[in-house]
ModelCIF file with pLDDT and N, C-alpha, C, O atoms, coordinates in Angstrom:
data_MODEL
#
_entry.id   MODEL 
#
_entity.id                         1 
_entity.type                       polymer 
_entity.pdbx_number_of_molecules   1 
#
_entity_poly.entity_id                      1 
_entity_poly.type                           'polypeptide(L)' 
_entity_poly.nstd_linkage                   no 
_entity_poly.nstd_monomer                   no 
_entity_poly.pdbx_seq_one_letter_code       DDVIGIDSINDYYDVDLKYGRLKESGVLKSIKDGENIEYNKPI 
_entity_poly.pdbx_seq_one_letter_code_can   DDVIGIDSINDYYDVDLKYGRLKESGVLKSIKDGENIEYNKPI 
_entity_poly.pdbx_strand_id                 A 
#
loop_
_entity_poly_seq.entity_id 
_entity_poly_seq.num 
_entity_poly_seq.mon_id 
_entity_poly_seq.hetero 
1 1  ASP n 
1 2  ASP n 
1 3  VAL n 
1 4  ILE n 
1 5  GLY n 
1 6  ILE n 
1 7  ASP n 
1 8  SER n 
1 9  ILE n 
1 10 ASN n 
1 11 ASP n 
1 12 TYR n 
1 13 TYR n 
1 14 ASP n 
1 15 VAL n 
1 16 ASP n 
1 17 LEU n 
1 18 LYS n 
1 19 TYR n 
1 20 GLY n 
1 21 ARG n 
1 22 LEU n 
1 23 LYS n 
1 24 GLU n 
1 25 SER n 
1 26 GLY n 
1 27 VAL n 
1 28 LEU n 
1 29 LYS n 
1 30 SER n 
1 31 ILE n 
1 32 LYS n 
1 33 ASP n 
1 34 GLY n 
1 35 GLU n 
1 36 ASN n 
1 37 ILE n 
1 38 GLU n 
1 39 TYR n 
1 40 ASN n 
1 41 LYS n 
1 42 PRO n 
1 43 ILE n 
#
_struct_asym.id          A 
_struct_asym.entity_id   1 
#
loop_
_ma_qa_metric.id 
_ma_qa_metric.mode 
_ma_qa_metric.name 
_ma_qa_metric.software_group_id 
_ma_qa_metric.type 
1 global pLDDT . pLDDT 
2 local  pLDDT . pLDDT 
#
_ma_qa_metric_global.metric_id      1 
_ma_qa_metric_global.metric_value   95.93 
_ma_qa_metric_global.model_id       1 
_ma_qa_metric_global.ordinal_id     1 
#
loop_
_ma_qa_metric_local.label_asym_id 
_ma_qa_metric_local.label_comp_id 
_ma_qa_metric_local.label_seq_id 
_ma_qa_metric_local.metric_id 
_ma_qa_metric_local.metric_value 
_ma_qa_metric_local.model_id 
_ma_qa_metric_local.ordinal_id 
A ASP 1  2 98.00 1 1  
A ASP 2  2 98.00 1 2  
A VAL 3  2 98.00 1 3  
A ILE 4  2 98.00 1 4  
A GLY 5  2 98.00 1 5  
A ILE 6  2 98.00 1 6  
A ASP 7  2 97.00 1 7  
A SER 8  2 96.00 1 8  
A ILE 9  2 95.00 1 9  
A ASN 10 2 92.00 1 10 
A ASP 11 2 89.00 1 11 
A TYR 12 2 87.00 1 12 
A TYR 13 2 88.00 1 13 
A ASP 14 2 91.00 1 14 
A VAL 15 2 95.00 1 15 
A ASP 16 2 96.00 1 16 
A LEU 17 2 96.00 1 17 
A LYS 18 2 97.00 1 18 
A TYR 19 2 97.00 1 19 
A GLY 20 2 97.00 1 20 
A ARG 21 2 97.00 1 21 
A LEU 22 2 98.00 1 22 
A LYS 23 2 97.00 1 23 
A GLU 24 2 97.00 1 24 
A SER 25 2 97.00 1 25 
A GLY 26 2 97.00 1 26 
A VAL 27 2 97.00 1 27 
A LEU 28 2 97.00 1 28 
A LYS 29 2 96.00 1 29 
A SER 30 2 96.00 1 30 
A ILE 31 2 96.00 1 31 
A LYS 32 2 95.00 1 32 
A ASP 33 2 96.00 1 33 
A GLY 34 2 95.00 1 34 
A GLU 35 2 94.00 1 35 
A ASN 36 2 95.00 1 36 
A ILE 37 2 97.00 1 37 
A GLU 38 2 97.00 1 38 
A TYR 39 2 98.00 1 39 
A ASN 40 2 98.00 1 40 
A LYS 41 2 98.00 1 41 
A PRO 42 2 98.00 1 42 
A ILE 43 2 98.00 1 43 
#
loop_
_atom_site.group_PDB 
_atom_site.id 
_atom_site.type_symbol 
_atom_site.label_atom_id 
_atom_site.label_alt_id 
_atom_site.label_comp_id 
_atom_site.label_asym_id 
_atom_site.label_entity_id 
_atom_site.label_seq_id 
_atom_site.pdbx_PDB_ins_code 
_atom_site.Cartn_x 
_atom_site.Cartn_y 
_atom_site.Cartn_z 
_atom_site.occupancy 
_atom_site.B_iso_or_equiv 
_atom_site.pdbx_formal_charge 
_atom_site.auth_seq_id 
_atom_site.auth_comp_id 
_atom_site.auth_asym_id 
_atom_site.auth_atom_id 
_atom_site.pdbx_PDB_model_num 
ATOM 1   N N  . ASP A 1 1  ? 13.224 -47.730 9.765  1.00 98.00 ? 1  ASP A N  1 
ATOM 2   C CA . ASP A 1 1  ? 12.557 -46.827 8.842  1.00 98.00 ? 1  ASP A CA 1 
ATOM 3   C C  . ASP A 1 1  ? 12.546 -45.230 9.307  1.00 98.00 ? 1  ASP A C  1 
ATOM 4   O O  . ASP A 1 1  ? 12.724 -44.779 10.439 1.00 98.00 ? 1  ASP A O  1 
ATOM 5   N N  . ASP A 1 2  ? 12.299 -44.576 8.160  1.00 98.00 ? 2  ASP A N  1 
ATOM 6   C CA . ASP A 1 2  ? 12.632 -42.893 7.998  1.00 98.00 ? 2  ASP A CA 1 
ATOM 7   C C  . ASP A 1 2  ? 11.747 -42.393 9.307  1.00 98.00 ? 2  ASP A C  1 
ATOM 8   O O  . ASP A 1 2  ? 10.724 -43.076 9.294  1.00 98.00 ? 2  ASP A O  1 
ATOM 9   N N  . VAL A 1 3  ? 11.729 -41.747 10.103 1.00 98.00 ? 3  VAL A N  1 
ATOM 10  C CA . VAL A 1 3  ? 11.670 -41.605 11.265 1.00 98.00 ? 3  VAL A CA 1 
ATOM 11  C C  . VAL A 1 3  ? 11.497 -40.146 11.319 1.00 98.00 ? 3  VAL A C  1 
ATOM 12  O O  . VAL A 1 3  ? 12.557 -39.631 10.964 1.00 98.00 ? 3  VAL A O  1 
ATOM 13  N N  . ILE A 1 4  ? 10.369 -39.015 11.694 1.00 98.00 ? 4  ILE A N  1 
ATOM 14  C CA . ILE A 1 4  ? 10.139 -37.800 12.238 1.00 98.00 ? 4  ILE A CA 1 
ATOM 15  C C  . ILE A 1 4  ? 9.846  -37.900 13.820 1.00 98.00 ? 4  ILE A C  1 
ATOM 16  O O  . ILE A 1 4  ? 9.063  -38.814 14.078 1.00 98.00 ? 4  ILE A O  1 
ATOM 17  N N  . GLY A 1 5  ? 10.069 -37.535 14.376 1.00 98.00 ? 5  GLY A N  1 
ATOM 18  C CA . GLY A 1 5  ? 9.483  -37.070 15.909 1.00 98.00 ? 5  GLY A CA 1 
ATOM 19  C C  . GLY A 1 5  ? 8.888  -35.847 15.906 1.00 98.00 ? 5  GLY A C  1 
ATOM 20  O O  . GLY A 1 5  ? 9.398  -35.022 15.148 1.00 98.00 ? 5  GLY A O  1 
ATOM 21  N N  . ILE A 1 6  ? 7.877  -35.481 16.597 1.00 98.00 ? 6  ILE A N  1 
ATOM 22  C CA . ILE A 1 6  ? 7.793  -34.236 17.061 1.00 98.00 ? 6  ILE A CA 1 
ATOM 23  C C  . ILE A 1 6  ? 7.052  -34.261 18.405 1.00 98.00 ? 6  ILE A C  1 
ATOM 24  O O  . ILE A 1 6  ? 6.159  -35.080 18.627 1.00 98.00 ? 6  ILE A O  1 
ATOM 25  N N  . ASP A 1 7  ? 7.407  -33.435 19.201 1.00 97.00 ? 7  ASP A N  1 
ATOM 26  C CA . ASP A 1 7  ? 7.084  -33.130 20.526 1.00 97.00 ? 7  ASP A CA 1 
ATOM 27  C C  . ASP A 1 7  ? 6.874  -31.182 21.006 1.00 97.00 ? 7  ASP A C  1 
ATOM 28  O O  . ASP A 1 7  ? 7.772  -30.383 20.744 1.00 97.00 ? 7  ASP A O  1 
ATOM 29  N N  . SER A 1 8  ? 5.923  -30.873 21.509 1.00 96.00 ? 8  SER A N  1 
ATOM 30  C CA . SER A 1 8  ? 5.336  -30.004 22.283 1.00 96.00 ? 8  SER A CA 1 
ATOM 31  C C  . SER A 1 8  ? 7.142  -29.485 22.944 1.00 96.00 ? 8  SER A C  1 
ATOM 32  O O  . SER A 1 8  ? 8.052  -28.770 22.526 1.00 96.00 ? 8  SER A O  1 
ATOM 33  N N  . ILE A 1 9  ? 6.910  -30.285 24.073 1.00 95.00 ? 9  ILE A N  1 
ATOM 34  C CA . ILE A 1 9  ? 8.234  -30.005 24.983 1.00 95.00 ? 9  ILE A CA 1 
ATOM 35  C C  . ILE A 1 9  ? 7.441  -29.228 26.136 1.00 95.00 ? 9  ILE A C  1 
ATOM 36  O O  . ILE A 1 9  ? 8.070  -28.477 26.882 1.00 95.00 ? 9  ILE A O  1 
ATOM 37  N N  . ASN A 1 10 ? 6.308  -29.374 26.258 1.00 92.00 ? 10 ASN A N  1 
ATOM 38  C CA . ASN A 1 10 ? 5.506  -28.374 27.220 1.00 92.00 ? 10 ASN A CA 1 
ATOM 39  C C  . ASN A 1 10 ? 5.966  -29.056 28.685 1.00 92.00 ? 10 ASN A C  1 
ATOM 40  O O  . ASN A 1 10 ? 6.580  -30.118 28.784 1.00 92.00 ? 10 ASN A O  1 
ATOM 41  N N  . ASP A 1 11 ? 5.388  -27.929 30.163 1.00 89.00 ? 11 ASP A N  1 
ATOM 42  C CA . ASP A 1 11 ? 6.430  -28.231 31.290 1.00 89.00 ? 11 ASP A CA 1 
ATOM 43  C C  . ASP A 1 11 ? 5.742  -29.192 32.233 1.00 89.00 ? 11 ASP A C  1 
ATOM 44  O O  . ASP A 1 11 ? 6.225  -29.616 33.284 1.00 89.00 ? 11 ASP A O  1 
ATOM 45  N N  . TYR A 1 12 ? 4.472  -29.505 31.694 1.00 87.00 ? 12 TYR A N  1 
ATOM 46  C CA . TYR A 1 12 ? 3.996  -30.599 32.333 1.00 87.00 ? 12 TYR A CA 1 
ATOM 47  C C  . TYR A 1 12 ? 4.518  -31.281 33.694 1.00 87.00 ? 12 TYR A C  1 
ATOM 48  O O  . TYR A 1 12 ? 3.921  -31.326 34.769 1.00 87.00 ? 12 TYR A O  1 
ATOM 49  N N  . TYR A 1 13 ? 5.775  -31.796 33.376 1.00 88.00 ? 13 TYR A N  1 
ATOM 50  C CA . TYR A 1 13 ? 6.788  -32.471 33.801 1.00 88.00 ? 13 TYR A CA 1 
ATOM 51  C C  . TYR A 1 13 ? 8.588  -32.025 33.823 1.00 88.00 ? 13 TYR A C  1 
ATOM 52  O O  . TYR A 1 13 ? 8.933  -31.406 32.816 1.00 88.00 ? 13 TYR A O  1 
ATOM 53  N N  . ASP A 1 14 ? 9.406  -32.221 34.586 1.00 91.00 ? 14 ASP A N  1 
ATOM 54  C CA . ASP A 1 14 ? 11.029 -31.754 34.282 1.00 91.00 ? 14 ASP A CA 1 
ATOM 55  C C  . ASP A 1 14 ? 10.821 -31.690 33.154 1.00 91.00 ? 14 ASP A C  1 
ATOM 56  O O  . ASP A 1 14 ? 10.167 -32.596 32.637 1.00 91.00 ? 14 ASP A O  1 
ATOM 57  N N  . VAL A 1 15 ? 11.397 -30.380 32.203 1.00 95.00 ? 15 VAL A N  1 
ATOM 58  C CA . VAL A 1 15 ? 11.767 -30.300 30.804 1.00 95.00 ? 15 VAL A CA 1 
ATOM 59  C C  . VAL A 1 15 ? 13.101 -31.050 30.562 1.00 95.00 ? 15 VAL A C  1 
ATOM 60  O O  . VAL A 1 15 ? 13.304 -31.635 29.498 1.00 95.00 ? 15 VAL A O  1 
ATOM 61  N N  . ASP A 1 16 ? 14.007 -31.022 31.570 1.00 96.00 ? 16 ASP A N  1 
ATOM 62  C CA . ASP A 1 16 ? 14.807 -31.938 31.453 1.00 96.00 ? 16 ASP A CA 1 
ATOM 63  C C  . ASP A 1 16 ? 15.300 -33.168 31.004 1.00 96.00 ? 16 ASP A C  1 
ATOM 64  O O  . ASP A 1 16 ? 16.286 -33.498 30.345 1.00 96.00 ? 16 ASP A O  1 
ATOM 65  N N  . LEU A 1 17 ? 14.337 -33.783 31.541 1.00 96.00 ? 17 LEU A N  1 
ATOM 66  C CA . LEU A 1 17 ? 14.130 -35.314 31.245 1.00 96.00 ? 17 LEU A CA 1 
ATOM 67  C C  . LEU A 1 17 ? 14.006 -35.503 29.988 1.00 96.00 ? 17 LEU A C  1 
ATOM 68  O O  . LEU A 1 17 ? 14.716 -36.237 29.300 1.00 96.00 ? 17 LEU A O  1 
ATOM 69  N N  . LYS A 1 18 ? 12.969 -34.758 29.584 1.00 97.00 ? 18 LYS A N  1 
ATOM 70  C CA . LYS A 1 18 ? 12.805 -34.656 28.468 1.00 97.00 ? 18 LYS A CA 1 
ATOM 71  C C  . LYS A 1 18 ? 13.513 -34.275 27.529 1.00 97.00 ? 18 LYS A C  1 
ATOM 72  O O  . LYS A 1 18 ? 13.323 -34.776 26.421 1.00 97.00 ? 18 LYS A O  1 
ATOM 73  N N  . TYR A 1 19 ? 14.716 -33.092 27.750 1.00 97.00 ? 19 TYR A N  1 
ATOM 74  C CA . TYR A 1 19 ? 15.763 -33.135 26.625 1.00 97.00 ? 19 TYR A CA 1 
ATOM 75  C C  . TYR A 1 19 ? 16.759 -34.153 26.706 1.00 97.00 ? 19 TYR A C  1 
ATOM 76  O O  . TYR A 1 19 ? 17.582 -34.326 25.807 1.00 97.00 ? 19 TYR A O  1 
ATOM 77  N N  . GLY A 1 20 ? 16.714 -34.850 27.774 1.00 97.00 ? 20 GLY A N  1 
ATOM 78  C CA . GLY A 1 20 ? 17.743 -35.944 28.268 1.00 97.00 ? 20 GLY A CA 1 
ATOM 79  C C  . GLY A 1 20 ? 17.226 -37.005 27.647 1.00 97.00 ? 20 GLY A C  1 
ATOM 80  O O  . GLY A 1 20 ? 17.889 -38.032 27.790 1.00 97.00 ? 20 GLY A O  1 
ATOM 81  N N  . ARG A 1 21 ? 16.295 -37.090 27.029 1.00 97.00 ? 21 ARG A N  1 
ATOM 82  C CA . ARG A 1 21 ? 15.459 -38.261 26.152 1.00 97.00 ? 21 ARG A CA 1 
ATOM 83  C C  . ARG A 1 21 ? 16.331 -38.102 24.315 1.00 97.00 ? 21 ARG A C  1 
ATOM 84  O O  . ARG A 1 21 ? 16.682 -38.928 23.473 1.00 97.00 ? 21 ARG A O  1 
ATOM 85  N N  . LEU A 1 22 ? 16.366 -36.686 24.401 1.00 98.00 ? 22 LEU A N  1 
ATOM 86  C CA . LEU A 1 22 ? 16.305 -35.889 23.088 1.00 98.00 ? 22 LEU A CA 1 
ATOM 87  C C  . LEU A 1 22 ? 17.528 -36.233 22.862 1.00 98.00 ? 22 LEU A C  1 
ATOM 88  O O  . LEU A 1 22 ? 17.688 -36.889 21.833 1.00 98.00 ? 22 LEU A O  1 
ATOM 89  N N  . LYS A 1 23 ? 18.735 -35.940 23.675 1.00 97.00 ? 23 LYS A N  1 
ATOM 90  C CA . LYS A 1 23 ? 20.311 -36.472 24.011 1.00 97.00 ? 23 LYS A CA 1 
ATOM 91  C C  . LYS A 1 23 ? 20.290 -37.595 23.669 1.00 97.00 ? 23 LYS A C  1 
ATOM 92  O O  . LYS A 1 23 ? 20.971 -37.875 22.682 1.00 97.00 ? 23 LYS A O  1 
ATOM 93  N N  . GLU A 1 24 ? 19.498 -38.693 24.349 1.00 97.00 ? 24 GLU A N  1 
ATOM 94  C CA . GLU A 1 24 ? 19.712 -40.162 24.022 1.00 97.00 ? 24 GLU A CA 1 
ATOM 95  C C  . GLU A 1 24 ? 19.585 -40.483 22.563 1.00 97.00 ? 24 GLU A C  1 
ATOM 96  O O  . GLU A 1 24 ? 20.307 -41.401 22.173 1.00 97.00 ? 24 GLU A O  1 
ATOM 97  N N  . SER A 1 25 ? 18.503 -39.679 21.337 1.00 97.00 ? 25 SER A N  1 
ATOM 98  C CA . SER A 1 25 ? 18.668 -39.992 20.500 1.00 97.00 ? 25 SER A CA 1 
ATOM 99  C C  . SER A 1 25 ? 19.263 -39.334 19.685 1.00 97.00 ? 25 SER A C  1 
ATOM 100 O O  . SER A 1 25 ? 18.899 -39.262 18.512 1.00 97.00 ? 25 SER A O  1 
ATOM 101 N N  . GLY A 1 26 ? 20.381 -38.681 20.202 1.00 97.00 ? 26 GLY A N  1 
ATOM 102 C CA . GLY A 1 26 ? 21.252 -38.061 19.404 1.00 97.00 ? 26 GLY A CA 1 
ATOM 103 C C  . GLY A 1 26 ? 20.585 -36.218 18.687 1.00 97.00 ? 26 GLY A C  1 
ATOM 104 O O  . GLY A 1 26 ? 21.176 -35.444 17.934 1.00 97.00 ? 26 GLY A O  1 
ATOM 105 N N  . VAL A 1 27 ? 19.247 -36.090 19.307 1.00 97.00 ? 27 VAL A N  1 
ATOM 106 C CA . VAL A 1 27 ? 18.674 -34.507 18.683 1.00 97.00 ? 27 VAL A CA 1 
ATOM 107 C C  . VAL A 1 27 ? 19.735 -33.928 19.272 1.00 97.00 ? 27 VAL A C  1 
ATOM 108 O O  . VAL A 1 27 ? 20.606 -33.506 18.511 1.00 97.00 ? 27 VAL A O  1 
ATOM 109 N N  . LEU A 1 28 ? 19.940 -33.755 20.809 1.00 97.00 ? 28 LEU A N  1 
ATOM 110 C CA . LEU A 1 28 ? 20.761 -32.767 21.731 1.00 97.00 ? 28 LEU A CA 1 
ATOM 111 C C  . LEU A 1 28 ? 22.422 -33.070 21.613 1.00 97.00 ? 28 LEU A C  1 
ATOM 112 O O  . LEU A 1 28 ? 22.687 -34.238 21.329 1.00 97.00 ? 28 LEU A O  1 
ATOM 113 N N  . LYS A 1 29 ? 23.366 -32.322 21.763 1.00 96.00 ? 29 LYS A N  1 
ATOM 114 C CA . LYS A 1 29 ? 24.628 -32.704 22.386 1.00 96.00 ? 29 LYS A CA 1 
ATOM 115 C C  . LYS A 1 29 ? 24.623 -32.780 23.559 1.00 96.00 ? 29 LYS A C  1 
ATOM 116 O O  . LYS A 1 29 ? 25.536 -33.454 24.037 1.00 96.00 ? 29 LYS A O  1 
ATOM 117 N N  . SER A 1 30 ? 23.625 -32.144 24.531 1.00 96.00 ? 30 SER A N  1 
ATOM 118 C CA . SER A 1 30 ? 23.552 -32.035 25.921 1.00 96.00 ? 30 SER A CA 1 
ATOM 119 C C  . SER A 1 30 ? 21.913 -31.342 26.181 1.00 96.00 ? 30 SER A C  1 
ATOM 120 O O  . SER A 1 30 ? 21.099 -30.756 25.467 1.00 96.00 ? 30 SER A O  1 
ATOM 121 N N  . ILE A 1 31 ? 21.977 -31.813 27.724 1.00 96.00 ? 31 ILE A N  1 
ATOM 122 C CA . ILE A 1 31 ? 20.391 -31.742 28.373 1.00 96.00 ? 31 ILE A CA 1 
ATOM 123 C C  . ILE A 1 31 ? 20.331 -30.237 28.072 1.00 96.00 ? 31 ILE A C  1 
ATOM 124 O O  . ILE A 1 31 ? 19.368 -29.824 27.427 1.00 96.00 ? 31 ILE A O  1 
ATOM 125 N N  . LYS A 1 32 ? 21.259 -29.403 28.477 1.00 95.00 ? 32 LYS A N  1 
ATOM 126 C CA . LYS A 1 32 ? 21.227 -27.639 28.373 1.00 95.00 ? 32 LYS A CA 1 
ATOM 127 C C  . LYS A 1 32 ? 20.856 -27.468 26.784 1.00 95.00 ? 32 LYS A C  1 
ATOM 128 O O  . LYS A 1 32 ? 19.755 -27.052 26.422 1.00 95.00 ? 32 LYS A O  1 
ATOM 129 N N  . ASP A 1 33 ? 21.518 -27.702 26.212 1.00 96.00 ? 33 ASP A N  1 
ATOM 130 C CA . ASP A 1 33 ? 20.893 -27.446 24.550 1.00 96.00 ? 33 ASP A CA 1 
ATOM 131 C C  . ASP A 1 33 ? 19.278 -27.454 24.358 1.00 96.00 ? 33 ASP A C  1 
ATOM 132 O O  . ASP A 1 33 ? 18.600 -27.134 23.382 1.00 96.00 ? 33 ASP A O  1 
ATOM 133 N N  . GLY A 1 34 ? 18.968 -27.859 25.438 1.00 95.00 ? 34 GLY A N  1 
ATOM 134 C CA . GLY A 1 34 ? 17.405 -28.174 24.593 1.00 95.00 ? 34 GLY A CA 1 
ATOM 135 C C  . GLY A 1 34 ? 16.844 -26.922 24.855 1.00 95.00 ? 34 GLY A C  1 
ATOM 136 O O  . GLY A 1 34 ? 15.733 -26.801 24.338 1.00 95.00 ? 34 GLY A O  1 
ATOM 137 N N  . GLU A 1 35 ? 17.365 -25.624 25.692 1.00 94.00 ? 35 GLU A N  1 
ATOM 138 C CA . GLU A 1 35 ? 16.841 -24.576 25.834 1.00 94.00 ? 35 GLU A CA 1 
ATOM 139 C C  . GLU A 1 35 ? 16.968 -23.931 24.176 1.00 94.00 ? 35 GLU A C  1 
ATOM 140 O O  . GLU A 1 35 ? 16.101 -23.086 23.953 1.00 94.00 ? 35 GLU A O  1 
ATOM 141 N N  . ASN A 1 36 ? 17.470 -24.078 23.552 1.00 95.00 ? 36 ASN A N  1 
ATOM 142 C CA . ASN A 1 36 ? 17.430 -23.163 22.313 1.00 95.00 ? 36 ASN A CA 1 
ATOM 143 C C  . ASN A 1 36 ? 16.727 -24.133 21.317 1.00 95.00 ? 36 ASN A C  1 
ATOM 144 O O  . ASN A 1 36 ? 17.013 -23.811 20.164 1.00 95.00 ? 36 ASN A O  1 
ATOM 145 N N  . ILE A 1 37 ? 15.923 -25.186 21.380 1.00 97.00 ? 37 ILE A N  1 
ATOM 146 C CA . ILE A 1 37 ? 14.989 -25.576 20.272 1.00 97.00 ? 37 ILE A CA 1 
ATOM 147 C C  . ILE A 1 37 ? 14.478 -24.568 20.134 1.00 97.00 ? 37 ILE A C  1 
ATOM 148 O O  . ILE A 1 37 ? 14.025 -23.770 20.954 1.00 97.00 ? 37 ILE A O  1 
ATOM 149 N N  . GLU A 1 38 ? 14.576 -24.556 18.137 1.00 97.00 ? 38 GLU A N  1 
ATOM 150 C CA . GLU A 1 38 ? 13.981 -23.362 17.739 1.00 97.00 ? 38 GLU A CA 1 
ATOM 151 C C  . GLU A 1 38 ? 12.480 -23.998 17.503 1.00 97.00 ? 38 GLU A C  1 
ATOM 152 O O  . GLU A 1 38 ? 12.322 -25.213 17.384 1.00 97.00 ? 38 GLU A O  1 
ATOM 153 N N  . TYR A 1 39 ? 11.560 -23.199 17.456 1.00 98.00 ? 39 TYR A N  1 
ATOM 154 C CA . TYR A 1 39 ? 10.330 -23.916 17.073 1.00 98.00 ? 39 TYR A CA 1 
ATOM 155 C C  . TYR A 1 39 ? 9.625  -24.165 15.367 1.00 98.00 ? 39 TYR A C  1 
ATOM 156 O O  . TYR A 1 39 ? 9.674  -23.261 14.533 1.00 98.00 ? 39 TYR A O  1 
ATOM 157 N N  . ASN A 1 40 ? 9.111  -25.279 15.128 1.00 98.00 ? 40 ASN A N  1 
ATOM 158 C CA . ASN A 1 40 ? 8.967  -25.925 13.847 1.00 98.00 ? 40 ASN A CA 1 
ATOM 159 C C  . ASN A 1 40 ? 9.909  -25.640 13.140 1.00 98.00 ? 40 ASN A C  1 
ATOM 160 O O  . ASN A 1 40 ? 9.764  -25.083 12.052 1.00 98.00 ? 40 ASN A O  1 
ATOM 161 N N  . LYS A 1 41 ? 11.395 -26.076 13.786 1.00 98.00 ? 41 LYS A N  1 
ATOM 162 C CA . LYS A 1 41 ? 12.536 -26.434 12.273 1.00 98.00 ? 41 LYS A CA 1 
ATOM 163 C C  . LYS A 1 41 ? 12.817 -27.451 12.957 1.00 98.00 ? 41 LYS A C  1 
ATOM 164 O O  . LYS A 1 41 ? 12.767 -27.629 14.174 1.00 98.00 ? 41 LYS A O  1 
ATOM 165 N N  . PRO A 1 42 ? 13.232 -28.376 11.798 1.00 98.00 ? 42 PRO A N  1 
ATOM 166 C CA . PRO A 1 42 ? 14.027 -29.715 11.843 1.00 98.00 ? 42 PRO A CA 1 
ATOM 167 C C  . PRO A 1 42 ? 15.079 -30.089 12.691 1.00 98.00 ? 42 PRO A C  1 
ATOM 168 O O  . PRO A 1 42 ? 16.023 -29.414 12.282 1.00 98.00 ? 42 PRO A O  1 
ATOM 169 N N  . ILE A 1 43 ? 15.522 -30.858 13.757 1.00 98.00 ? 43 ILE A N  1 
ATOM 170 C CA . ILE A 1 43 ? 17.167 -31.429 13.573 1.00 98.00 ? 43 ILE A CA 1 
ATOM 171 C C  . ILE A 1 43 ? 17.429 -32.549 13.401 1.00 98.00 ? 43 ILE A C  1 
ATOM 172 O O  . ILE A 1 43 ? 18.604 -32.896 13.278 1.00 98.00 ? 43 ILE A O  1 
#
């Protein structure tokens, strides 16, 4: 399927875990790259 995923990545719990999931999905190269995600810009 063609999938577009969205998320606010709020800090309700550890954002590094959220970045880890995005890394596992191929969206990020590393967990640290999560800090550089731009709002409303497709990756």
